[in-house]
Amino acid sequence: MSHYQRLLLILRPALRQSCALEQAAALARSSSASLHIVGLLESLDKLRFLETGDHQSERQAYLQSQQAQLEAQAQVLRASGVQVTTEVAWSSDLQADILEHALEMQPDVLLKQVEREPVLKRAFFTPLDWQLLRHCPIPVYLLGAARPALPRQIVAAVDVADPSPEGQARNDSIVQQANALALQTGAQLDLLFACDLTMAYMGDMGYGAWAIGDVGESLRQALEEDFKAVADRYGAPAERRHFILGRPVAVLSEYVETHPVDVIVMGRPLARGLDRLFGSTTEHVLYQIPCNILAV
């Protein structure tokens, strides 16, 4: 039986999203999953010109035209063997409406195109994609660039520096989701750990890393052994294991620049403390790398 049975694609008709639609359809086709496409139209904000005169009829006409356009695209997909349903609706709260659709449909994955918000805007408003990463109860597959319709290389980014049961469970979920995606798409799967010695040391010791030079090598060796144990447990071949020193965002950015990575599978951000204000590793990676991210 296929791992994926139901996929939910969120489209913003105001954006150009042909690549997102192509990738979602290809994944549905490869996994024999049904695909429900929801087009959400932002009311009032983007279309104030419709709020004059007989705006209700104009709004309805615009909604129907968007529905017709989406249905025309769906008909093409159905002809290629994809089971597709469509829906277009006005939305005054995109986050709430997307989460409502996810809770009601209970899909295996929610797919959506990344919206790259500028730094200044992120300083005052939490981006929609960050909100979905923090609050969506199902895996979120954020499509970041015009990549192949199906991924060819997937990287599972684990964190062995967190030995807690929650951390181990998160790593299990990351690898399981990455492996499922690889099996359904025929992609190569690699395992990667970005080893940030400073953060690992501060987490263990509970204070500043002023003495990290004294214990850095032993800590690195211990973390590398932990990574080897995790990779052994998942049966990852030696050539598919990557233990890299550095801060996670920088490591992942450089790795994607030097390798043909199509998808990085990462853990869901917890949004605690300063992360709630400035964003987690997973959230910042959205704006640093040109590939897709599957957050679990």
C-alpha atoms as a PDB file:
ATOM      1  CA  MET A   1       0.000   0.000   0.000  1.00  0.00           C
ATOM      2  CA  SER A   2       1.210   3.508  -0.779  1.00  0.00           C
ATOM      3  CA  HIS A   3       2.336   5.627   2.154  1.00  0.00           C
ATOM      4  CA  TYR A   4       0.429   8.638   0.820  1.00  0.00           C
ATOM      5  CA  GLN A   5      -3.293   8.312   0.233  1.00  0.00           C
ATOM      6  CA  ARG A   6      -4.514  11.927   0.464  1.00  0.00           C
ATOM      7  CA  LEU A   7      -2.624  15.090  -0.443  1.00  0.00           C
ATOM      8  CA  LEU A   8      -3.785  18.662   0.162  1.00  0.00           C
ATOM      9  CA  LEU A   9      -2.367  21.460  -1.987  1.00  0.00           C
ATOM     10  CA  ILE A  10      -2.965  25.062  -0.947  1.00  0.00           C
ATOM     11  CA  LEU A  11      -2.787  27.538  -3.826  1.00  0.00           C
ATOM     12  CA  ARG A  12      -2.741  31.317  -3.679  1.00  0.00           C
ATOM     13  CA  PRO A  13      -4.240  32.287  -7.062  1.00  0.00           C
ATOM     14  CA  ALA A  14      -2.677  35.742  -6.781  1.00  0.00           C
ATOM     15  CA  LEU A  15       0.769  34.071  -7.016  1.00  0.00           C
ATOM     16  CA  ARG A  16       2.344  32.243  -9.948  1.00  0.00           C
ATOM     17  CA  GLN A  17       2.313  28.638  -8.765  1.00  0.00           C
ATOM     18  CA  SER A  18       2.448  26.388 -11.820  1.00  0.00           C
ATOM     19  CA  CYS A  19       5.538  24.619 -10.431  1.00  0.00           C
ATOM     20  CA  ALA A  20       3.778  23.875  -7.145  1.00  0.00           C
ATOM     21  CA  LEU A  21       0.819  22.396  -9.005  1.00  0.00           C
ATOM     22  CA  GLU A  22       3.124  20.329 -11.210  1.00  0.00           C
ATOM     23  CA  GLN A  23       5.050  18.909  -8.249  1.00  0.00           C
ATOM     24  CA  ALA A  24       1.910  18.125  -6.243  1.00  0.00           C
ATOM     25  CA  ALA A  25       0.363  16.340  -9.223  1.00  0.00           C
ATOM     26  CA  ALA A  26       3.540  14.346  -9.867  1.00  0.00           C
ATOM     27  CA  LEU A  27       3.667  13.222  -6.227  1.00  0.00           C
ATOM     28  CA  ALA A  28      -0.006  12.230  -6.297  1.00  0.00           C
ATOM     29  CA  ARG A  29       0.528  10.297  -9.511  1.00  0.00           C
ATOM     30  CA  SER A  30       3.626   8.465  -8.263  1.00  0.00           C
ATOM     31  CA  SER A  31       1.941   7.453  -4.996  1.00  0.00           C
ATOM     32  CA  SER A  32      -1.561   6.846  -6.406  1.00  0.00           C
ATOM     33  CA  ALA A  33      -2.878   9.356  -3.883  1.00  0.00           C
ATOM     34  CA  SER A  34      -5.883  11.625  -4.287  1.00  0.00           C
ATOM     35  CA  LEU A  35      -5.126  15.331  -4.562  1.00  0.00           C
ATOM     36  CA  HIS A  36      -7.428  18.058  -3.235  1.00  0.00           C
ATOM     37  CA  ILE A  37      -6.518  21.551  -4.423  1.00  0.00           C
ATOM     38  CA  VAL A  38      -7.760  24.553  -2.453  1.00  0.00           C
ATOM     39  CA  GLY A  39      -7.408  28.016  -3.952  1.00  0.00           C
ATOM     40  CA  LEU A  40      -7.708  30.718  -1.291  1.00  0.00           C
ATOM     41  CA  LEU A  41      -8.516  34.281  -2.336  1.00  0.00           C
ATOM     42  CA  GLU A  42      -7.622  36.996   0.160  1.00  0.00           C
ATOM     43  CA  SER A  43     -10.709  39.123   0.657  1.00  0.00           C
ATOM     44  CA  LEU A  44     -10.515  42.914   0.888  1.00  0.00           C
ATOM     45  CA  ASP A  45      -6.728  43.184   1.138  1.00  0.00           C
ATOM     46  CA  LYS A  46      -5.733  42.489  -2.459  1.00  0.00           C
ATOM     47  CA  LEU A  47      -9.020  43.250  -4.185  1.00  0.00           C
ATOM     48  CA  ARG A  48     -10.390  46.434  -2.666  1.00  0.00           C
ATOM     49  CA  PHE A  49     -11.517  47.582  -6.077  1.00  0.00           C
ATOM     50  CA  LEU A  50     -14.238  44.942  -5.892  1.00  0.00           C
ATOM     51  CA  GLU A  51     -15.694  46.534  -2.783  1.00  0.00           C
ATOM     52  CA  THR A  52     -17.446  49.365  -4.654  1.00  0.00           C
ATOM     53  CA  GLY A  53     -20.785  49.303  -6.410  1.00  0.00           C
ATOM     54  CA  ASP A  54     -22.320  45.898  -6.832  1.00  0.00           C
ATOM     55  CA  HIS A  55     -19.311  44.275  -5.182  1.00  0.00           C
ATOM     56  CA  GLN A  56     -21.113  41.108  -4.111  1.00  0.00           C
ATOM     57  CA  SER A  57     -21.894  40.101  -7.688  1.00  0.00           C
ATOM     58  CA  GLU A  58     -18.406  41.092  -8.778  1.00  0.00           C
ATOM     59  CA  ARG A  59     -16.859  39.050  -6.008  1.00  0.00           C
ATOM     60  CA  GLN A  60     -18.973  36.063  -6.985  1.00  0.00           C
ATOM     61  CA  ALA A  61     -18.036  36.449 -10.637  1.00  0.00           C
ATOM     62  CA  TYR A  62     -14.355  36.628  -9.747  1.00  0.00           C
ATOM     63  CA  LEU A  63     -14.667  33.543  -7.541  1.00  0.00           C
ATOM     64  CA  GLN A  64     -16.358  31.618 -10.339  1.00  0.00           C
ATOM     65  CA  SER A  65     -13.693  32.634 -12.851  1.00  0.00           C
ATOM     66  CA  GLN A  66     -10.950  31.403 -10.523  1.00  0.00           C
ATOM     67  CA  GLN A  67     -12.839  28.157  -9.948  1.00  0.00           C
ATOM     68  CA  ALA A  68     -13.182  27.672 -13.712  1.00  0.00           C
ATOM     69  CA  GLN A  69      -9.462  28.253 -14.262  1.00  0.00           C
ATOM     70  CA  LEU A  70      -8.547  25.783 -11.528  1.00  0.00           C
ATOM     71  CA  GLU A  71     -11.010  23.210 -12.863  1.00  0.00           C
ATOM     72  CA  ALA A  72      -9.484  23.536 -16.323  1.00  0.00           C
ATOM     73  CA  GLN A  73      -6.079  22.680 -14.854  1.00  0.00           C
ATOM     74  CA  ALA A  74      -7.610  19.817 -12.875  1.00  0.00           C
ATOM     75  CA  GLN A  75      -9.157  18.346 -16.022  1.00  0.00           C
ATOM     76  CA  VAL A  76      -5.705  18.106 -17.586  1.00  0.00           C
ATOM     77  CA  LEU A  77      -4.422  16.316 -14.492  1.00  0.00           C
ATOM     78  CA  ARG A  78      -7.372  13.908 -14.472  1.00  0.00           C
ATOM     79  CA  ALA A  79      -6.630  13.040 -18.092  1.00  0.00           C
ATOM     80  CA  SER A  80      -3.118  12.056 -16.981  1.00  0.00           C
ATOM     81  CA  GLY A  81      -4.467   9.697 -14.321  1.00  0.00           C
ATOM     82  CA  VAL A  82      -4.480  11.887 -11.195  1.00  0.00           C
ATOM     83  CA  GLN A  83      -7.555  11.818  -8.943  1.00  0.00           C
ATOM     84  CA  VAL A  84      -8.170  15.534  -8.358  1.00  0.00           C
ATOM     85  CA  THR A  85     -10.826  17.596  -6.611  1.00  0.00           C
ATOM     86  CA  THR A  86     -10.853  21.388  -6.430  1.00  0.00           C
ATOM     87  CA  GLU A  87     -12.212  24.178  -4.270  1.00  0.00           C
ATOM     88  CA  VAL A  88     -11.898  27.962  -4.393  1.00  0.00           C
ATOM     89  CA  ALA A  89     -12.975  30.227  -1.547  1.00  0.00           C
ATOM     90  CA  TRP A  90     -12.515  33.694  -0.103  1.00  0.00           C
ATOM     91  CA  SER A  91     -10.378  33.921   3.033  1.00  0.00           C
ATOM     92  CA  SER A  92     -10.030  36.676   5.594  1.00  0.00           C
ATOM     93  CA  ASP A  93      -7.620  34.591   7.722  1.00  0.00           C
ATOM     94  CA  LEU A  94      -5.324  32.413   5.609  1.00  0.00           C
ATOM     95  CA  GLN A  95      -3.682  30.591   8.512  1.00  0.00           C
ATOM     96  CA  ALA A  96      -6.972  29.687  10.190  1.00  0.00           C
ATOM     97  CA  ASP A  97      -8.564  28.559   6.931  1.00  0.00           C
ATOM     98  CA  ILE A  98      -5.577  26.427   5.915  1.00  0.00           C
ATOM     99  CA  LEU A  99      -5.451  24.747   9.328  1.00  0.00           C
ATOM    100  CA  GLU A 100      -9.220  24.164   9.206  1.00  0.00           C
ATOM    101  CA  HIS A 101      -8.878  22.416   5.847  1.00  0.00           C
ATOM    102  CA  ALA A 102      -6.008  20.298   7.184  1.00  0.00           C
ATOM    103  CA  LEU A 103      -7.952  19.261  10.282  1.00  0.00           C
ATOM    104  CA  GLU A 104     -11.090  18.486   8.314  1.00  0.00           C
ATOM    105  CA  MET A 105      -9.416  16.524   5.513  1.00  0.00           C
ATOM    106  CA  GLN A 106      -6.618  14.887   7.555  1.00  0.00           C
ATOM    107  CA  PRO A 107      -4.286  14.516   4.542  1.00  0.00           C
ATOM    108  CA  ASP A 108      -0.955  12.730   4.748  1.00  0.00           C
ATOM    109  CA  VAL A 109       0.853  15.897   3.649  1.00  0.00           C
ATOM    110  CA  LEU A 110      -0.048  19.549   3.176  1.00  0.00           C
ATOM    111  CA  LEU A 111       1.736  21.100   0.188  1.00  0.00           C
ATOM    112  CA  LYS A 112       2.215  24.812  -0.401  1.00  0.00           C
ATOM    113  CA  GLN A 113       4.556  27.086  -2.278  1.00  0.00           C
ATOM    114  CA  VAL A 114       7.064  28.985  -0.140  1.00  0.00           C
ATOM    115  CA  GLU A 115       6.367  32.713   0.129  1.00  0.00           C
ATOM    116  CA  ARG A 116       9.702  34.451   0.610  1.00  0.00           C
ATOM    117  CA  GLU A 117       8.950  37.404   2.863  1.00  0.00           C
ATOM    118  CA  PRO A 118      11.537  40.224   3.149  1.00  0.00           C
ATOM    119  CA  VAL A 119      13.528  40.597   6.362  1.00  0.00           C
ATOM    120  CA  LEU A 120      11.884  43.907   7.302  1.00  0.00           C
ATOM    121  CA  LYS A 121       8.399  42.416   7.047  1.00  0.00           C
ATOM    122  CA  ARG A 122       9.454  39.376   9.102  1.00  0.00           C
ATOM    123  CA  ALA A 123      10.620  41.750  11.838  1.00  0.00           C
ATOM    124  CA  PHE A 124       7.035  42.900  12.383  1.00  0.00           C
ATOM    125  CA  PHE A 125       4.855  40.034  11.158  1.00  0.00           C
ATOM    126  CA  THR A 126       5.277  36.286  11.517  1.00  0.00           C
ATOM    127  CA  PRO A 127       5.196  34.874   7.951  1.00  0.00           C
ATOM    128  CA  LEU A 128       2.340  32.573   7.007  1.00  0.00           C
ATOM    129  CA  ASP A 129       4.748  29.713   6.242  1.00  0.00           C
ATOM    130  CA  TRP A 130       6.297  30.022   9.718  1.00  0.00           C
ATOM    131  CA  GLN A 131       2.826  29.902  11.269  1.00  0.00           C
ATOM    132  CA  LEU A 132       2.022  26.718   9.359  1.00  0.00           C
ATOM    133  CA  LEU A 133       5.313  25.131  10.407  1.00  0.00           C
ATOM    134  CA  ARG A 134       4.523  25.887  14.037  1.00  0.00           C
ATOM    135  CA  HIS A 135       0.848  24.988  14.147  1.00  0.00           C
ATOM    136  CA  CYS A 136      -0.101  22.590  11.350  1.00  0.00           C
ATOM    137  CA  PRO A 137      -0.761  19.126  12.847  1.00  0.00           C
ATOM    138  CA  ILE A 138       0.425  17.237   9.745  1.00  0.00           C
ATOM    139  CA  PRO A 139       3.699  17.244   7.746  1.00  0.00           C
ATOM    140  CA  VAL A 140       4.111  20.456   5.744  1.00  0.00           C
ATOM    141  CA  TYR A 141       5.792  20.182   2.342  1.00  0.00           C
ATOM    142  CA  LEU A 142       6.920  23.668   1.307  1.00  0.00           C
ATOM    143  CA  LEU A 143       7.844  23.924  -2.365  1.00  0.00           C
ATOM    144  CA  GLY A 144      10.718  26.343  -2.739  1.00  0.00           C
ATOM    145  CA  ALA A 145      11.812  26.412  -6.370  1.00  0.00           C
ATOM    146  CA  ALA A 146      11.297  25.151  -9.909  1.00  0.00           C
ATOM    147  CA  ARG A 147      12.825  21.759  -9.214  1.00  0.00           C
ATOM    148  CA  PRO A 148      12.079  18.487 -11.047  1.00  0.00           C
ATOM    149  CA  ALA A 149       8.466  17.423 -10.758  1.00  0.00           C
ATOM    150  CA  LEU A 150       9.647  14.529  -8.564  1.00  0.00           C
ATOM    151  CA  PRO A 151      12.691  14.784  -6.271  1.00  0.00           C
ATOM    152  CA  ARG A 152      15.837  12.905  -7.237  1.00  0.00           C
ATOM    153  CA  GLN A 153      17.865  13.520  -4.085  1.00  0.00           C
ATOM    154  CA  ILE A 154      16.483  13.848  -0.542  1.00  0.00           C
ATOM    155  CA  VAL A 155      18.388  14.764   2.620  1.00  0.00           C
ATOM    156  CA  ALA A 156      17.108  13.828   6.077  1.00  0.00           C
ATOM    157  CA  ALA A 157      18.543  16.410   8.504  1.00  0.00           C
ATOM    158  CA  VAL A 158      18.634  14.780  11.939  1.00  0.00           C
ATOM    159  CA  ASP A 159      19.771  16.228  15.272  1.00  0.00           C
ATOM    160  CA  VAL A 160      21.654  13.757  17.463  1.00  0.00           C
ATOM    161  CA  ALA A 161      22.634  16.525  19.898  1.00  0.00           C
ATOM    162  CA  ASP A 162      19.191  16.181  21.497  1.00  0.00           C
ATOM    163  CA  PRO A 163      19.255  12.818  23.361  1.00  0.00           C
ATOM    164  CA  SER A 164      15.809  13.273  24.926  1.00  0.00           C
ATOM    165  CA  PRO A 165      12.968  10.893  24.054  1.00  0.00           C
ATOM    166  CA  GLU A 166      11.338  13.776  22.161  1.00  0.00           C
ATOM    167  CA  GLY A 167      14.518  14.321  20.166  1.00  0.00           C
ATOM    168  CA  GLN A 168      14.822  10.632  19.317  1.00  0.00           C
ATOM    169  CA  ALA A 169      11.170  10.475  18.302  1.00  0.00           C
ATOM    170  CA  ARG A 170      11.667  13.548  16.092  1.00  0.00           C
ATOM    171  CA  ASN A 171      14.631  11.900  14.359  1.00  0.00           C
ATOM    172  CA  ASP A 172      12.568   8.738  13.825  1.00  0.00           C
ATOM    173  CA  SER A 173       9.794  10.789  12.246  1.00  0.00           C
ATOM    174  CA  ILE A 174      12.250  12.681  10.014  1.00  0.00           C
ATOM    175  CA  VAL A 175      13.856   9.521   8.673  1.00  0.00           C
ATOM    176  CA  GLN A 176      10.559   7.669   8.260  1.00  0.00           C
ATOM    177  CA  GLN A 177       9.006  10.532   6.282  1.00  0.00           C
ATOM    178  CA  ALA A 178      12.169  10.995   4.194  1.00  0.00           C
ATOM    179  CA  ASN A 179      12.333   7.277   3.452  1.00  0.00           C
ATOM    180  CA  ALA A 180       8.647   7.149   2.515  1.00  0.00           C
ATOM    181  CA  LEU A 181       9.086  10.067   0.109  1.00  0.00           C
ATOM    182  CA  ALA A 182      12.196   8.474  -1.393  1.00  0.00           C
ATOM    183  CA  LEU A 183      10.464   5.120  -1.890  1.00  0.00           C
ATOM    184  CA  GLN A 184       7.491   6.727  -3.627  1.00  0.00           C
ATOM    185  CA  THR A 185       9.569   8.923  -5.915  1.00  0.00           C
ATOM    186  CA  GLY A 186      12.636   6.758  -6.529  1.00  0.00           C
ATOM    187  CA  ALA A 187      14.910   9.416  -5.029  1.00  0.00           C
ATOM    188  CA  GLN A 188      18.289   8.910  -3.378  1.00  0.00           C
ATOM    189  CA  LEU A 189      18.210   9.415   0.400  1.00  0.00           C
ATOM    190  CA  ASP A 190      21.106  10.843   2.427  1.00  0.00           C
ATOM    191  CA  LEU A 191      21.410  11.356   6.197  1.00  0.00           C
ATOM    192  CA  LEU A 192      22.984  14.597   7.465  1.00  0.00           C
ATOM    193  CA  PHE A 193      23.833  16.050  10.862  1.00  0.00           C
ATOM    194  CA  ALA A 194      25.022  19.668  11.165  1.00  0.00           C
ATOM    195  CA  CYS A 195      27.152  19.582  14.304  1.00  0.00           C
ATOM    196  CA  ASP A 196      27.126  22.935  16.061  1.00  0.00           C
ATOM    197  CA  LEU A 197      29.626  22.371  18.884  1.00  0.00           C
ATOM    198  CA  THR A 198      28.901  25.707  20.546  1.00  0.00           C
ATOM    199  CA  MET A 199      25.190  25.023  20.943  1.00  0.00           C
ATOM    200  CA  ALA A 200      25.759  21.403  21.945  1.00  0.00           C
ATOM    201  CA  TYR A 201      28.273  22.468  24.594  1.00  0.00           C
ATOM    202  CA  MET A 202      26.025  25.174  26.008  1.00  0.00           C
ATOM    203  CA  GLY A 203      23.150  22.728  26.100  1.00  0.00           C
ATOM    204  CA  ASP A 204      25.188  20.194  28.067  1.00  0.00           C
ATOM    205  CA  MET A 205      26.917  22.593  30.436  1.00  0.00           C
ATOM    206  CA  GLY A 206      24.243  25.198  30.941  1.00  0.00           C
ATOM    207  CA  TYR A 207      26.583  28.199  30.581  1.00  0.00           C
ATOM    208  CA  GLY A 208      28.699  30.055  28.034  1.00  0.00           C
ATOM    209  CA  ALA A 209      31.138  28.239  25.775  1.00  0.00           C
ATOM    210  CA  TRP A 210      34.240  30.113  26.970  1.00  0.00           C
ATOM    211  CA  ALA A 211      36.019  26.801  27.607  1.00  0.00           C
ATOM    212  CA  ILE A 212      34.846  24.986  24.503  1.00  0.00           C
ATOM    213  CA  GLY A 213      38.403  24.555  23.259  1.00  0.00           C
ATOM    214  CA  ASP A 214      39.133  22.263  26.203  1.00  0.00           C
ATOM    215  CA  VAL A 215      36.326  19.843  25.437  1.00  0.00           C
ATOM    216  CA  GLY A 216      35.515  20.550  21.804  1.00  0.00           C
ATOM    217  CA  GLU A 217      37.303  17.546  20.323  1.00  0.00           C
ATOM    218  CA  SER A 218      35.915  15.051  22.806  1.00  0.00           C
ATOM    219  CA  LEU A 219      32.419  16.493  22.300  1.00  0.00           C
ATOM    220  CA  ARG A 220      32.802  16.267  18.529  1.00  0.00           C
ATOM    221  CA  GLN A 221      33.873  12.638  18.776  1.00  0.00           C
ATOM    222  CA  ALA A 222      30.958  11.807  21.053  1.00  0.00           C
ATOM    223  CA  LEU A 223      28.459  13.437  18.695  1.00  0.00           C
ATOM    224  CA  GLU A 224      30.009  11.723  15.686  1.00  0.00           C
ATOM    225  CA  GLU A 225      29.649   8.369  17.449  1.00  0.00           C
ATOM    226  CA  ASP A 226      26.015   9.206  18.232  1.00  0.00           C
ATOM    227  CA  PHE A 227      25.438  10.065  14.583  1.00  0.00           C
ATOM    228  CA  LYS A 228      27.085   6.806  13.493  1.00  0.00           C
ATOM    229  CA  ALA A 229      24.813   4.877  15.861  1.00  0.00           C
ATOM    230  CA  VAL A 230      21.722   6.606  14.469  1.00  0.00           C
ATOM    231  CA  ALA A 231      22.847   5.960  10.883  1.00  0.00           C
ATOM    232  CA  ASP A 232      23.523   2.307  11.717  1.00  0.00           C
ATOM    233  CA  ARG A 233      20.082   1.972  13.227  1.00  0.00           C
ATOM    234  CA  TYR A 234      18.477   3.295  10.053  1.00  0.00           C
ATOM    235  CA  GLY A 235      20.750   1.228   7.800  1.00  0.00           C
ATOM    236  CA  ALA A 236      22.220   4.262   5.995  1.00  0.00           C
ATOM    237  CA  PRO A 237      25.187   3.291   3.741  1.00  0.00           C
ATOM    238  CA  ALA A 238      28.526   4.914   4.595  1.00  0.00           C
ATOM    239  CA  GLU A 239      28.521   7.032   1.432  1.00  0.00           C
ATOM    240  CA  ARG A 240      25.085   8.411   2.347  1.00  0.00           C
ATOM    241  CA  ARG A 241      26.113   9.716   5.790  1.00  0.00           C
ATOM    242  CA  HIS A 242      27.259  13.306   6.239  1.00  0.00           C
ATOM    243  CA  PHE A 243      28.605  14.597   9.558  1.00  0.00           C
ATOM    244  CA  ILE A 244      29.441  18.279   9.034  1.00  0.00           C
ATOM    245  CA  LEU A 245      30.709  20.808  11.577  1.00  0.00           C
ATOM    246  CA  GLY A 246      28.986  24.177  11.647  1.00  0.00           C
ATOM    247  CA  ARG A 247      25.754  26.002  12.359  1.00  0.00           C
ATOM    248  CA  PRO A 248      22.773  24.200  10.805  1.00  0.00           C
ATOM    249  CA  VAL A 249      21.509  26.997   8.535  1.00  0.00           C
ATOM    250  CA  ALA A 250      24.998  27.639   7.117  1.00  0.00           C
ATOM    251  CA  VAL A 251      25.753  23.923   6.746  1.00  0.00           C
ATOM    252  CA  LEU A 252      22.500  23.166   4.945  1.00  0.00           C
ATOM    253  CA  SER A 253      22.832  26.217   2.704  1.00  0.00           C
ATOM    254  CA  GLU A 254      26.347  25.259   1.621  1.00  0.00           C
ATOM    255  CA  TYR A 255      25.408  21.606   1.189  1.00  0.00           C
ATOM    256  CA  VAL A 256      22.511  22.490  -1.120  1.00  0.00           C
ATOM    257  CA  GLU A 257      24.801  24.797  -3.123  1.00  0.00           C
ATOM    258  CA  THR A 258      27.311  21.994  -3.730  1.00  0.00           C
ATOM    259  CA  HIS A 259      24.926  19.026  -4.112  1.00  0.00           C
ATOM    260  CA  PRO A 260      21.837  18.554  -6.304  1.00  0.00           C
ATOM    261  CA  VAL A 261      19.427  18.376  -3.346  1.00  0.00           C
ATOM    262  CA  ASP A 262      15.724  18.572  -4.167  1.00  0.00           C
ATOM    263  CA  VAL A 263      14.188  18.109  -0.696  1.00  0.00           C
ATOM    264  CA  ILE A 264      15.431  18.523   2.872  1.00  0.00           C
ATOM    265  CA  VAL A 265      13.360  16.759   5.534  1.00  0.00           C
ATOM    266  CA  MET A 266      13.608  18.516   8.893  1.00  0.00           C
ATOM    267  CA  GLY A 267      11.960  18.530  12.292  1.00  0.00           C
ATOM    268  CA  ARG A 268       9.094  20.857  13.135  1.00  0.00           C
ATOM    269  CA  PRO A 269      10.226  24.008  14.984  1.00  0.00           C
ATOM    270  CA  LEU A 270       9.149  24.258  18.619  1.00  0.00           C
ATOM    271  CA  ALA A 271       8.997  28.090  18.642  1.00  0.00           C
ATOM    272  CA  ARG A 272      10.154  28.592  22.207  1.00  0.00           C
ATOM    273  CA  GLY A 273      11.748  31.695  23.691  1.00  0.00           C
ATOM    274  CA  LEU A 274      13.627  33.811  21.131  1.00  0.00           C
ATOM    275  CA  ASP A 275      12.732  31.372  18.348  1.00  0.00           C
ATOM    276  CA  ARG A 276       9.184  32.668  18.617  1.00  0.00           C
ATOM    277  CA  LEU A 277      10.473  36.140  17.700  1.00  0.00           C
ATOM    278  CA  PHE A 278      13.352  35.430  15.341  1.00  0.00           C
ATOM    279  CA  GLY A 279      12.493  32.028  13.873  1.00  0.00           C
ATOM    280  CA  SER A 280      13.929  28.531  14.226  1.00  0.00           C
ATOM    281  CA  THR A 281      16.496  26.746  12.069  1.00  0.00           C
ATOM    282  CA  THR A 282      13.776  25.175   9.929  1.00  0.00           C
ATOM    283  CA  GLU A 283      12.069  28.528   9.436  1.00  0.00           C
ATOM    284  CA  HIS A 284      15.241  30.364   8.428  1.00  0.00           C
ATOM    285  CA  VAL A 285      16.300  27.610   6.053  1.00  0.00           C
ATOM    286  CA  LEU A 286      13.178  28.453   4.022  1.00  0.00           C
ATOM    287  CA  TYR A 287      14.803  31.733   2.991  1.00  0.00           C
ATOM    288  CA  GLN A 288      18.356  30.438   2.596  1.00  0.00           C
ATOM    289  CA  ILE A 289      18.040  27.460   0.263  1.00  0.00           C
ATOM    290  CA  PRO A 290      16.351  27.020  -3.125  1.00  0.00           C
ATOM    291  CA  CYS A 291      15.023  23.509  -2.613  1.00  0.00           C
ATOM    292  CA  ASN A 292      11.850  22.077  -1.073  1.00  0.00           C
ATOM    293  CA  ILE A 293      11.445  21.437   2.657  1.00  0.00           C
ATOM    294  CA  LEU A 294       9.334  18.736   4.271  1.00  0.00           C
ATOM    295  CA  ALA A 295       8.811  19.591   7.953  1.00  0.00           C
ATOM    296  CA  VAL A 296       7.589  16.796  10.230  1.00  0.00           C
END
